[in-house]
C-alpha atoms as a PDB file:
ATOM      1  CA  UNK A   1      78.077  86.920  79.786  1.00  0.00           C
ATOM      2  CA  UNK A   2      80.428  87.844  76.948  1.00  0.00           C
ATOM      3  CA  UNK A   3      79.257  84.920  74.790  1.00  0.00           C
ATOM      4  CA  UNK A   4      75.790  86.496  74.336  1.00  0.00           C
ATOM      5  CA  UNK A   5      75.430  87.788  70.790  1.00  0.00           C
ATOM      6  CA  UNK A   6      72.984  90.493  69.682  1.00  0.00           C
ATOM      7  CA  UNK A   7      70.026  89.318  67.650  1.00  0.00           C
ATOM      8  CA  UNK A   8      69.841  91.012  64.242  1.00  0.00           C
ATOM      9  CA  UNK A   9      66.271  92.123  64.966  1.00  0.00           C
ATOM     10  CA  UNK A  10      67.535  94.433  67.741  1.00  0.00           C
ATOM     11  CA  UNK A  11      68.593  96.822  64.986  1.00  0.00           C
ATOM     12  CA  UNK A  12      66.142  99.553  64.107  1.00  0.00           C
ATOM     13  CA  UNK A  13      64.438 102.681  65.349  1.00  0.00           C
ATOM     14  CA  UNK A  14      63.026 102.731  68.867  1.00  0.00           C
ATOM     15  CA  UNK A  15      61.308 105.028  71.323  1.00  0.00           C
ATOM     16  CA  UNK A  16      60.585 104.954  75.024  1.00  0.00           C
ATOM     17  CA  UNK A  17      56.869 105.163  75.770  1.00  0.00           C
ATOM     18  CA  UNK A  18      56.003 108.557  77.229  1.00  0.00           C
ATOM     19  CA  UNK A  19      59.420 110.076  76.418  1.00  0.00           C
ATOM     20  CA  UNK A  20      60.248 112.490  73.576  1.00  0.00           C
ATOM     21  CA  UNK A  21      63.650 110.920  72.762  1.00  0.00           C
ATOM     22  CA  UNK A  22      63.767 108.455  69.869  1.00  0.00           C
ATOM     23  CA  UNK A  23      66.897 106.346  69.437  1.00  0.00           C
ATOM     24  CA  UNK A  24      68.179 103.640  67.173  1.00  0.00           C
ATOM     25  CA  UNK A  25      70.159 100.475  67.679  1.00  0.00           C
ATOM     26  CA  UNK A  26      72.684  99.369  65.102  1.00  0.00           C
ATOM     27  CA  UNK A  27      74.976  96.353  65.099  1.00  0.00           C
ATOM     28  CA  UNK A  28      78.605  97.316  64.417  1.00  0.00           C
ATOM     29  CA  UNK A  29      81.163  94.525  64.140  1.00  0.00           C
ATOM     30  CA  UNK A  30      78.870  92.277  66.180  1.00  0.00           C
ATOM     31  CA  UNK A  31      78.327  94.863  68.934  1.00  0.00           C
ATOM     32  CA  UNK A  32      74.948  96.551  69.463  1.00  0.00           C
ATOM     33  CA  UNK A  33      75.224 100.341  69.669  1.00  0.00           C
ATOM     34  CA  UNK A  34      72.486 102.595  71.055  1.00  0.00           C
ATOM     35  CA  UNK A  35      72.415 105.839  69.055  1.00  0.00           C
ATOM     36  CA  UNK A  36      70.582 108.929  70.289  1.00  0.00           C
ATOM     37  CA  UNK A  37      72.230 111.277  67.753  1.00  0.00           C
ATOM     38  CA  UNK A  38      75.521 111.628  65.842  1.00  0.00           C
ATOM     39  CA  UNK A  39      77.441 112.461  69.019  1.00  0.00           C
ATOM     40  CA  UNK A  40      75.566 110.620  71.787  1.00  0.00           C
ATOM     41  CA  UNK A  41      75.962 106.874  71.240  1.00  0.00           C
ATOM     42  CA  UNK A  42      77.398 103.927  73.099  1.00  0.00           C
ATOM     43  CA  UNK A  43      77.777 100.164  73.140  1.00  0.00           C
ATOM     44  CA  UNK A  44      75.262  97.895  74.819  1.00  0.00           C
ATOM     45  CA  UNK A  45      76.859  95.335  77.129  1.00  0.00           C
ATOM     46  CA  UNK A  46      75.323  91.868  77.531  1.00  0.00           C
ATOM     47  CA  UNK A  47      73.840  91.062  80.928  1.00  0.00           C
ATOM     48  CA  UNK A  48      71.940  87.916  79.904  1.00  0.00           C
ATOM     49  CA  UNK A  49      69.731  86.567  77.166  1.00  0.00           C
ATOM     50  CA  UNK A  50      67.931  89.550  75.598  1.00  0.00           C
ATOM     51  CA  UNK A  51      69.101  91.846  78.433  1.00  0.00           C
ATOM     52  CA  UNK A  52      71.651  94.591  77.796  1.00  0.00           C
ATOM     53  CA  UNK A  53      73.224  97.361  79.893  1.00  0.00           C
ATOM     54  CA  UNK A  54      73.900 100.834  78.531  1.00  0.00           C
ATOM     55  CA  UNK A  55      76.612 102.472  80.651  1.00  0.00           C
ATOM     56  CA  UNK A  56      76.081 105.813  78.921  1.00  0.00           C
ATOM     57  CA  UNK A  57      72.527 105.993  80.287  1.00  0.00           C
ATOM     58  CA  UNK A  58      73.123 103.707  83.283  1.00  0.00           C
ATOM     59  CA  UNK A  59      70.078 101.715  82.213  1.00  0.00           C
ATOM     60  CA  UNK A  60      69.119  98.124  81.444  1.00  0.00           C
ATOM     61  CA  UNK A  61      67.161  97.147  78.345  1.00  0.00           C
ATOM     62  CA  UNK A  62      65.254  93.862  78.363  1.00  0.00           C
ATOM     63  CA  UNK A  63      63.924  92.821  74.984  1.00  0.00           C
ATOM     64  CA  UNK A  64      60.869  90.693  74.192  1.00  0.00           C
ATOM     65  CA  UNK A  65      60.478  88.385  71.218  1.00  0.00           C
ATOM     66  CA  UNK A  66      57.460  87.699  69.061  1.00  0.00           C
ATOM     67  CA  UNK A  67      56.220  84.232  68.046  1.00  0.00           C
ATOM     68  CA  UNK A  68      58.801  84.099  65.218  1.00  0.00           C
ATOM     69  CA  UNK A  69      61.690  84.876  67.589  1.00  0.00           C
ATOM     70  CA  UNK A  70      62.249  88.450  66.396  1.00  0.00           C
ATOM     71  CA  UNK A  71      62.803  91.209  68.942  1.00  0.00           C
ATOM     72  CA  UNK A  72      59.620  93.267  68.881  1.00  0.00           C
ATOM     73  CA  UNK A  73      59.628  95.392  72.045  1.00  0.00           C
ATOM     74  CA  UNK A  74      60.829  95.424  75.604  1.00  0.00           C
ATOM     75  CA  UNK A  75      61.404  97.543  78.672  1.00  0.00           C
ATOM     76  CA  UNK A  76      64.020  99.873  80.112  1.00  0.00           C
ATOM     77  CA  UNK A  77      64.886 100.329  83.764  1.00  0.00           C
ATOM     78  CA  UNK A  78      67.056 103.164  85.039  1.00  0.00           C
ATOM     79  CA  UNK A  79      67.540 105.126  88.237  1.00  0.00           C
ATOM     80  CA  UNK A  80      66.214 108.222  86.461  1.00  0.00           C
ATOM     81  CA  UNK A  81      62.912 106.502  85.558  1.00  0.00           C
ATOM     82  CA  UNK A  82      60.046 106.296  88.073  1.00  0.00           C
ATOM     83  CA  UNK A  83      59.192 102.790  86.874  1.00  0.00           C
ATOM     84  CA  UNK A  84      60.210 100.465  84.042  1.00  0.00           C
ATOM     85  CA  UNK A  85      59.430 102.110  80.713  1.00  0.00           C
ATOM     86  CA  UNK A  86      58.092 100.280  77.691  1.00  0.00           C
ATOM     87  CA  UNK A  87      60.367 100.127  74.632  1.00  0.00           C
ATOM     88  CA  UNK A  88      58.496 100.459  71.358  1.00  0.00           C
ATOM     89  CA  UNK A  89      60.023  99.409  68.064  1.00  0.00           C
ATOM     90  CA  UNK A  90      59.220 101.997  65.417  1.00  0.00           C
ATOM     91  CA  UNK A  91      61.029 100.435  62.436  1.00  0.00           C
ATOM     92  CA  UNK A  92      63.370  97.555  61.695  1.00  0.00           C
ATOM     93  CA  UNK A  93      66.694  97.832  59.939  1.00  0.00           C
ATOM     94  CA  UNK A  94      67.200  95.233  57.213  1.00  0.00           C
END
């Protein structure tokens, strides 16, 4: 679904519940990028509305929206996770 565009509220600082690895998402030239650190970062590929695939981590992120339509949380599924993990938004990027 290449016509799916990232919502601006995806950008910000995130963490995976129960995991010690924070990450951020930035939007660069209309493409969401998942950033773990200065070296480890990669594009998120659209799978559907509010669902993105990260080939670098071989994982799928599904975002949830609040009543105002902003992305406020979500879940991550990956082969290396026992079960879907909750995504927690720590801070938004203006």
